[in-house]
Amino acid sequence: MKVQLSHPERQVDVKGPKRVRELLRDLNLIPEAHLVIRGDDLVTEDEMLKDDDVVEVRPVISGGSGSSGSFGLFRLFG
C-alpha cells in the first residue's frame, strides 16, 4: 500500500494486508498520536488495510489557549 506521511512529508510503500494498528507499529508511530485516512474516511486501529490502498498518516496536533486552563482543541487535519 502507498502510505503518505506528514512531518516530515514522505511516501513509503508497505506490504499489506494489515490492520491500521500494525501499520502504525511498523512505522514506529504511536497510535494515539496519529490519524490514518483512506480516501475521505478516517479509519480505526482495527480496520484492515489492503495492499492496493492509499492512506495518509497525520499526527494529531493539539493547541491550547494559554492561561485559561483548558486542555485545548485537537486539530484533525493540518
PDB file of N, CA and C in Angstrom:
ATOM      1  N   MET A   1       0.850  -1.179   0.000  1.00  0.00           N
ATOM      2  CA  MET A   1       0.000   0.000   0.000  1.00  0.00           C
ATOM      3  C   MET A   1       0.888   1.232   0.000  1.00  0.00           C
ATOM      4  N   LYS A   2       0.349   2.301  -0.512  1.00  0.00           N
ATOM      5  CA  LYS A   2       1.053   3.580  -0.510  1.00  0.00           C
ATOM      6  C   LYS A   2       0.657   4.325   0.754  1.00  0.00           C
ATOM      7  N   VAL A   3       1.654   4.778   1.504  1.00  0.00           N
ATOM      8  CA  VAL A   3       1.404   5.492   2.748  1.00  0.00           C
ATOM      9  C   VAL A   3       2.054   6.866   2.646  1.00  0.00           C
ATOM     10  N   GLN A   4       1.226   7.899   2.713  1.00  0.00           N
ATOM     11  CA  GLN A   4       1.708   9.275   2.702  1.00  0.00           C
ATOM     12  C   GLN A   4       1.830   9.736   4.149  1.00  0.00           C
ATOM     13  N   LEU A   5       3.020  10.136   4.542  1.00  0.00           N
ATOM     14  CA  LEU A   5       3.269  10.590   5.915  1.00  0.00           C
ATOM     15  C   LEU A   5       3.527  12.091   5.923  1.00  0.00           C
ATOM     16  N   SER A   6       3.088  12.729   7.006  1.00  0.00           N
ATOM     17  CA  SER A   6       3.349  14.152   7.224  1.00  0.00           C
ATOM     18  C   SER A   6       4.359  14.281   8.353  1.00  0.00           C
ATOM     19  N   HIS A   7       5.109  15.316   8.328  1.00  0.00           N
ATOM     20  CA  HIS A   7       6.032  15.675   9.431  1.00  0.00           C
ATOM     21  C   HIS A   7       7.067  14.597   9.730  1.00  0.00           C
ATOM     22  N   PRO A   8       8.083  14.386   8.982  1.00  0.00           N
ATOM     23  CA  PRO A   8       8.363  15.028   7.694  1.00  0.00           C
ATOM     24  C   PRO A   8       7.563  14.367   6.585  1.00  0.00           C
ATOM     25  N   GLU A   9       7.285  15.158   5.553  1.00  0.00           N
ATOM     26  CA  GLU A   9       6.470  14.656   4.451  1.00  0.00           C
ATOM     27  C   GLU A   9       7.275  13.684   3.599  1.00  0.00           C
ATOM     28  N   ARG A  10       6.688  12.489   3.408  1.00  0.00           N
ATOM     29  CA  ARG A  10       7.327  11.460   2.585  1.00  0.00           C
ATOM     30  C   ARG A  10       6.293  10.399   2.250  1.00  0.00           C
ATOM     31  N   GLN A  11       6.599   9.576   1.250  1.00  0.00           N
ATOM     32  CA  GLN A  11       5.713   8.473   0.894  1.00  0.00           C
ATOM     33  C   GLN A  11       6.503   7.172   0.957  1.00  0.00           C
ATOM     34  N   VAL A  12       5.883   6.149   1.545  1.00  0.00           N
ATOM     35  CA  VAL A  12       6.524   4.840   1.651  1.00  0.00           C
ATOM     36  C   VAL A  12       5.551   3.776   1.153  1.00  0.00           C
ATOM     37  N   ASP A  13       6.110   2.677   0.676  1.00  0.00           N
ATOM     38  CA  ASP A  13       5.317   1.515   0.290  1.00  0.00           C
ATOM     39  C   ASP A  13       5.395   0.493   1.409  1.00  0.00           C
ATOM     40  N   VAL A  14       4.246  -0.038   1.792  1.00  0.00           N
ATOM     41  CA  VAL A  14       4.161  -1.020   2.872  1.00  0.00           C
ATOM     42  C   VAL A  14       3.370  -2.211   2.341  1.00  0.00           C
ATOM     43  N   LYS A  15       3.865  -3.404   2.598  1.00  0.00           N
ATOM     44  CA  LYS A  15       3.186  -4.630   2.165  1.00  0.00           C
ATOM     45  C   LYS A  15       1.926  -4.848   2.995  1.00  0.00           C
ATOM     46  N   GLY A  16       0.814  -5.115   2.335  1.00  0.00           N
ATOM     47  CA  GLY A  16      -0.435  -5.414   3.023  1.00  0.00           C
ATOM     48  C   GLY A  16      -0.831  -6.835   2.722  1.00  0.00           C
ATOM     49  N   PRO A  17      -1.938  -7.286   3.219  1.00  0.00           N
ATOM     50  CA  PRO A  17      -2.871  -6.559   4.086  1.00  0.00           C
ATOM     51  C   PRO A  17      -2.395  -6.524   5.526  1.00  0.00           C
ATOM     52  N   LYS A  18      -2.834  -5.506   6.235  1.00  0.00           N
ATOM     53  CA  LYS A  18      -2.550  -5.410   7.674  1.00  0.00           C
ATOM     54  C   LYS A  18      -3.506  -4.422   8.313  1.00  0.00           C
ATOM     55  N   ARG A  19      -3.686  -4.582   9.600  1.00  0.00           N
ATOM     56  CA  ARG A  19      -4.547  -3.675  10.362  1.00  0.00           C
ATOM     57  C   ARG A  19      -3.832  -2.335  10.555  1.00  0.00           C
ATOM     58  N   VAL A  20      -4.634  -1.302  10.768  1.00  0.00           N
ATOM     59  CA  VAL A  20      -4.092   0.039  10.965  1.00  0.00           C
ATOM     60  C   VAL A  20      -3.095   0.050  12.118  1.00  0.00           C
ATOM     61  N   ARG A  21      -3.422  -0.621  13.227  1.00  0.00           N
ATOM     62  CA  ARG A  21      -2.506  -0.622  14.381  1.00  0.00           C
ATOM     63  C   ARG A  21      -1.159  -1.259  14.023  1.00  0.00           C
ATOM     64  N   GLU A  22      -1.191  -2.293  13.165  1.00  0.00           N
ATOM     65  CA  GLU A  22       0.051  -2.935  12.727  1.00  0.00           C
ATOM     66  C   GLU A  22       0.863  -2.003  11.836  1.00  0.00           C
ATOM     67  N   LEU A  23       0.176  -1.277  10.965  1.00  0.00           N
ATOM     68  CA  LEU A  23       0.851  -0.308  10.109  1.00  0.00           C
ATOM     69  C   LEU A  23       1.568   0.731  10.951  1.00  0.00           C
ATOM     70  N   LEU A  24       0.862   1.302  11.931  1.00  0.00           N
ATOM     71  CA  LEU A  24       1.473   2.326  12.779  1.00  0.00           C
ATOM     72  C   LEU A  24       2.649   1.757  13.578  1.00  0.00           C
ATOM     73  N   ARG A  25       2.510   0.543  14.079  1.00  0.00           N
ATOM     74  CA  ARG A  25       3.604  -0.103  14.806  1.00  0.00           C
ATOM     75  C   ARG A  25       4.810  -0.303  13.886  1.00  0.00           C
ATOM     76  N   ASP A  26       4.561  -0.776  12.664  1.00  0.00           N
ATOM     77  CA  ASP A  26       5.654  -0.992  11.710  1.00  0.00           C
ATOM     78  C   ASP A  26       6.375   0.303  11.355  1.00  0.00           C
ATOM     79  N   LEU A  27       5.636   1.420  11.409  1.00  0.00           N
ATOM     80  CA  LEU A  27       6.228   2.728  11.108  1.00  0.00           C
ATOM     81  C   LEU A  27       6.780   3.419  12.355  1.00  0.00           C
ATOM     82  N   ASN A  28       6.744   2.710  13.488  1.00  0.00           N
ATOM     83  CA  ASN A  28       7.213   3.257  14.768  1.00  0.00           C
ATOM     84  C   ASN A  28       6.473   4.534  15.165  1.00  0.00           C
ATOM     85  N   LEU A  29       5.148   4.509  14.968  1.00  0.00           N
ATOM     86  CA  LEU A  29       4.310   5.643  15.309  1.00  0.00           C
ATOM     87  C   LEU A  29       3.348   5.260  16.426  1.00  0.00           C
ATOM     88  N   ILE A  30       3.049   6.199  17.298  1.00  0.00           N
ATOM     89  CA  ILE A  30       2.144   5.978  18.416  1.00  0.00           C
ATOM     90  C   ILE A  30       0.704   6.113  17.916  1.00  0.00           C
ATOM     91  N   PRO A  31      -0.101   5.043  18.033  1.00  0.00           N
ATOM     92  CA  PRO A  31      -1.474   5.095  17.512  1.00  0.00           C
ATOM     93  C   PRO A  31      -2.309   6.249  18.068  1.00  0.00           C
ATOM     94  N   GLU A  32      -2.187   6.550  19.339  1.00  0.00           N
ATOM     95  CA  GLU A  32      -2.983   7.628  19.951  1.00  0.00           C
ATOM     96  C   GLU A  32      -2.579   9.007  19.447  1.00  0.00           C
ATOM     97  N   ALA A  33      -1.430   9.110  18.809  1.00  0.00           N
ATOM     98  CA  ALA A  33      -0.936  10.404  18.357  1.00  0.00           C
ATOM     99  C   ALA A  33      -1.046  10.587  16.839  1.00  0.00           C
ATOM    100  N   HIS A  34      -1.690   9.612  16.143  1.00  0.00           N
ATOM    101  CA  HIS A  34      -1.766   9.685  14.687  1.00  0.00           C
ATOM    102  C   HIS A  34      -3.145   9.291  14.173  1.00  0.00           C
ATOM    103  N   LEU A  35      -3.521   9.923  13.070  1.00  0.00           N
ATOM    104  CA  LEU A  35      -4.758   9.611  12.373  1.00  0.00           C
ATOM    105  C   LEU A  35      -4.398   8.934  11.061  1.00  0.00           C
ATOM    106  N   VAL A  36      -5.192   7.944  10.675  1.00  0.00           N
ATOM    107  CA  VAL A  36      -4.990   7.274   9.393  1.00  0.00           C
ATOM    108  C   VAL A  36      -6.230   7.523   8.552  1.00  0.00           C
ATOM    109  N   ILE A  37      -6.021   8.041   7.347  1.00  0.00           N
ATOM    110  CA  ILE A  37      -7.106   8.453   6.467  1.00  0.00           C
ATOM    111  C   ILE A  37      -6.993   7.669   5.157  1.00  0.00           C
ATOM    112  N   ARG A  38      -8.098   7.034   4.768  1.00  0.00           N
ATOM    113  CA  ARG A  38      -8.167   6.338   3.481  1.00  0.00           C
ATOM    114  C   ARG A  38      -9.254   7.035   2.671  1.00  0.00           C
ATOM    115  N   GLY A  39      -8.846   7.659   1.570  1.00  0.00           N
ATOM    116  CA  GLY A  39      -9.790   8.467   0.794  1.00  0.00           C
ATOM    117  C   GLY A  39     -10.236   9.645   1.633  1.00  0.00           C
ATOM    118  N   ASP A  40     -11.534   9.737   1.869  1.00  0.00           N
ATOM    119  CA  ASP A  40     -12.079  10.801   2.714  1.00  0.00           C
ATOM    120  C   ASP A  40     -12.477  10.292   4.091  1.00  0.00           C
ATOM    121  N   ASP A  41     -12.113   9.038   4.396  1.00  0.00           N
ATOM    122  CA  ASP A  41     -12.561   8.409   5.633  1.00  0.00           C
ATOM    123  C   ASP A  41     -11.430   8.204   6.637  1.00  0.00           C
ATOM    124  N   LEU A  42     -11.717   8.562   7.870  1.00  0.00           N
ATOM    125  CA  LEU A  42     -10.828   8.267   8.982  1.00  0.00           C
ATOM    126  C   LEU A  42     -11.013   6.796   9.330  1.00  0.00           C
ATOM    127  N   VAL A  43      -9.920   6.027   9.420  1.00  0.00           N
ATOM    128  CA  VAL A  43     -10.051   4.602   9.718  1.00  0.00           C
ATOM    129  C   VAL A  43      -9.562   4.317  11.131  1.00  0.00           C
ATOM    130  N   THR A  44     -10.176   3.323  11.757  1.00  0.00           N
ATOM    131  CA  THR A  44      -9.840   2.969  13.136  1.00  0.00           C
ATOM    132  C   THR A  44      -8.676   1.986  13.176  1.00  0.00           C
ATOM    133  N   GLU A  45      -8.117   1.794  14.362  1.00  0.00           N
ATOM    134  CA  GLU A  45      -6.976   0.891  14.551  1.00  0.00           C
ATOM    135  C   GLU A  45      -7.273  -0.544  14.156  1.00  0.00           C
ATOM    136  N   ASP A  46      -8.531  -0.962  14.260  1.00  0.00           N
ATOM    137  CA  ASP A  46      -8.910  -2.348  13.964  1.00  0.00           C
ATOM    138  C   ASP A  46      -9.182  -2.601  12.489  1.00  0.00           C
ATOM    139  N   GLU A  47      -9.285  -1.542  11.706  1.00  0.00           N
ATOM    140  CA  GLU A  47      -9.641  -1.698  10.306  1.00  0.00           C
ATOM    141  C   GLU A  47      -8.502  -2.333   9.502  1.00  0.00           C
ATOM    142  N   MET A  48      -8.879  -3.213   8.575  1.00  0.00           N
ATOM    143  CA  MET A  48      -7.906  -3.894   7.736  1.00  0.00           C
ATOM    144  C   MET A  48      -7.621  -3.041   6.501  1.00  0.00           C
ATOM    145  N   LEU A  49      -6.339  -2.855   6.217  1.00  0.00           N
ATOM    146  CA  LEU A  49      -5.914  -2.141   5.027  1.00  0.00           C
ATOM    147  C   LEU A  49      -5.429  -3.151   4.002  1.00  0.00           C
ATOM    148  N   LYS A  50      -5.783  -2.924   2.740  1.00  0.00           N
ATOM    149  CA  LYS A  50      -5.396  -3.838   1.667  1.00  0.00           C
ATOM    150  C   LYS A  50      -4.127  -3.356   0.983  1.00  0.00           C
ATOM    151  N   ASP A  51      -3.509  -4.261   0.263  1.00  0.00           N
ATOM    152  CA  ASP A  51      -2.248  -3.963  -0.411  1.00  0.00           C
ATOM    153  C   ASP A  51      -2.396  -2.830  -1.429  1.00  0.00           C
ATOM    154  N   ASP A  52      -3.571  -2.671  -2.020  1.00  0.00           N
ATOM    155  CA  ASP A  52      -3.751  -1.635  -3.038  1.00  0.00           C
ATOM    156  C   ASP A  52      -4.335  -0.331  -2.488  1.00  0.00           C
ATOM    157  N   ASP A  53      -4.460  -0.211  -1.159  1.00  0.00           N
ATOM    158  CA  ASP A  53      -4.961   1.020  -0.537  1.00  0.00           C
ATOM    159  C   ASP A  53      -3.919   2.130  -0.607  1.00  0.00           C
ATOM    160  N   VAL A  54      -4.418   3.348  -0.611  1.00  0.00           N
ATOM    161  CA  VAL A  54      -3.587   4.543  -0.466  1.00  0.00           C
ATOM    162  C   VAL A  54      -4.090   5.239   0.783  1.00  0.00           C
ATOM    163  N   VAL A  55      -3.209   5.425   1.760  1.00  0.00           N
ATOM    164  CA  VAL A  55      -3.614   6.042   3.022  1.00  0.00           C
ATOM    165  C   VAL A  55      -2.684   7.198   3.365  1.00  0.00           C
ATOM    166  N   GLU A  56      -3.186   8.071   4.193  1.00  0.00           N
ATOM    167  CA  GLU A  56      -2.397   9.189   4.698  1.00  0.00           C
ATOM    168  C   GLU A  56      -2.343   9.077   6.216  1.00  0.00           C
ATOM    169  N   VAL A  57      -1.164   9.294   6.777  1.00  0.00           N
ATOM    170  CA  VAL A  57      -0.983   9.272   8.228  1.00  0.00           C
ATOM    171  C   VAL A  57      -0.619  10.685   8.660  1.00  0.00           C
ATOM    172  N   ARG A  58      -1.437  11.230   9.552  1.00  0.00           N
ATOM    173  CA  ARG A  58      -1.196  12.592  10.050  1.00  0.00           C
ATOM    174  C   ARG A  58      -1.098  12.585  11.564  1.00  0.00           C
ATOM    175  N   PRO A  59      -0.207  13.391  12.094  1.00  0.00           N
ATOM    176  CA  PRO A  59      -0.148  13.500  13.560  1.00  0.00           C
ATOM    177  C   PRO A  59      -1.331  14.302  14.078  1.00  0.00           C
ATOM    178  N   VAL A  60      -1.789  13.951  15.265  1.00  0.00           N
ATOM    179  CA  VAL A  60      -2.817  14.734  15.941  1.00  0.00           C
ATOM    180  C   VAL A  60      -2.092  15.895  16.597  1.00  0.00           C
ATOM    181  N   ILE A  61      -2.553  17.095  16.296  1.00  0.00           N
ATOM    182  CA  ILE A  61      -1.896  18.291  16.828  1.00  0.00           C
ATOM    183  C   ILE A  61      -2.855  18.963  17.793  1.00  0.00           C
ATOM    184  N   SER A  62      -2.379  19.241  18.987  1.00  0.00           N
ATOM    185  CA  SER A  62      -3.234  19.924  19.953  1.00  0.00           C
ATOM    186  C   SER A  62      -2.704  21.325  20.183  1.00  0.00           C
ATOM    187  N   GLY A  63      -3.606  22.194  20.540  1.00  0.00           N
ATOM    188  CA  GLY A  63      -3.233  23.565  20.846  1.00  0.00           C
ATOM    189  C   GLY A  63      -4.009  24.022  22.055  1.00  0.00           C
ATOM    190  N   GLY A  64      -3.453  24.929  22.795  1.00  0.00           N
ATOM    191  CA  GLY A  64      -4.118  25.412  23.995  1.00  0.00           C
ATOM    192  C   GLY A  64      -4.397  26.885  23.902  1.00  0.00           C
ATOM    193  N   SER A  65      -5.114  27.354  24.864  1.00  0.00           N
ATOM    194  CA  SER A  65      -5.447  28.775  24.886  1.00  0.00           C
ATOM    195  C   SER A  65      -4.591  29.537  25.885  1.00  0.00           C
ATOM    196  N   GLY A  66      -3.569  28.868  26.407  1.00  0.00           N
ATOM    197  CA  GLY A  66      -2.665  29.562  27.308  1.00  0.00           C
ATOM    198  C   GLY A  66      -3.134  29.582  28.736  1.00  0.00           C
ATOM    199  N   SER A  67      -3.580  30.744  29.216  1.00  0.00           N
ATOM    200  CA  SER A  67      -3.859  30.922  30.631  1.00  0.00           C
ATOM    201  C   SER A  67      -5.261  30.482  31.058  1.00  0.00           C
ATOM    202  N   SER A  68      -6.099  30.061  30.137  1.00  0.00           N
ATOM    203  CA  SER A  68      -7.472  29.744  30.526  1.00  0.00           C
ATOM    204  C   SER A  68      -7.590  28.417  31.261  1.00  0.00           C
ATOM    205  N   GLY A  69      -6.545  27.597  31.201  1.00  0.00           N
ATOM    206  CA  GLY A  69      -6.597  26.327  31.896  1.00  0.00           C
ATOM    207  C   GLY A  69      -7.286  25.225  31.114  1.00  0.00           C
ATOM    208  N   SER A  70      -7.703  25.516  29.896  1.00  0.00           N
ATOM    209  CA  SER A  70      -8.365  24.476  29.104  1.00  0.00           C
ATOM    210  C   SER A  70      -7.317  23.551  28.506  1.00  0.00           C
ATOM    211  N   PHE A  71      -7.765  22.401  28.091  1.00  0.00           N
ATOM    212  CA  PHE A  71      -6.863  21.406  27.518  1.00  0.00           C
ATOM    213  C   PHE A  71      -6.569  21.668  26.053  1.00  0.00           C
ATOM    214  N   GLY A  72      -7.259  22.577  25.426  1.00  0.00           N
ATOM    215  CA  GLY A  72      -7.032  22.898  24.022  1.00  0.00           C
ATOM    216  C   GLY A  72      -7.917  22.059  23.112  1.00  0.00           C
ATOM    217  N   LEU A  73      -7.781  22.284  21.857  1.00  0.00           N
ATOM    218  CA  LEU A  73      -8.588  21.593  20.866  1.00  0.00           C
ATOM    219  C   LEU A  73      -7.690  20.737  20.008  1.00  0.00           C
ATOM    220  N   PHE A  74      -8.210  19.625  19.552  1.00  0.00           N
ATOM    221  CA  PHE A  74      -7.473  18.778  18.615  1.00  0.00           C
ATOM    222  C   PHE A  74      -7.800  19.242  17.214  1.00  0.00           C
ATOM    223  N   ARG A  75      -6.770  19.400  16.425  1.00  0.00           N
ATOM    224  CA  ARG A  75      -6.952  19.758  15.029  1.00  0.00           C
ATOM    225  C   ARG A  75      -6.729  18.499  14.222  1.00  0.00           C
ATOM    226  N   LEU A  76      -7.765  17.999  13.575  1.00  0.00           N
ATOM    227  CA  LEU A  76      -7.689  16.720  12.883  1.00  0.00           C
ATOM    228  C   LEU A  76      -6.921  16.796  11.577  1.00  0.00           C
ATOM    229  N   PHE A  77      -7.092  17.837  10.845  1.00  0.00           N
ATOM    230  CA  PHE A  77      -6.447  17.904   9.537  1.00  0.00           C
ATOM    231  C   PHE A  77      -5.597  19.157   9.473  1.00  0.00           C
ATOM    232  N   GLY A  78      -4.275  18.949   9.412  1.00  0.00           N
ATOM    233  CA  GLY A  78      -3.343  20.050   9.475  1.00  0.00           C
ATOM    234  C   GLY A  78      -3.074  20.627   8.180  1.00  0.00           C
TER     235      GLY A  78
END
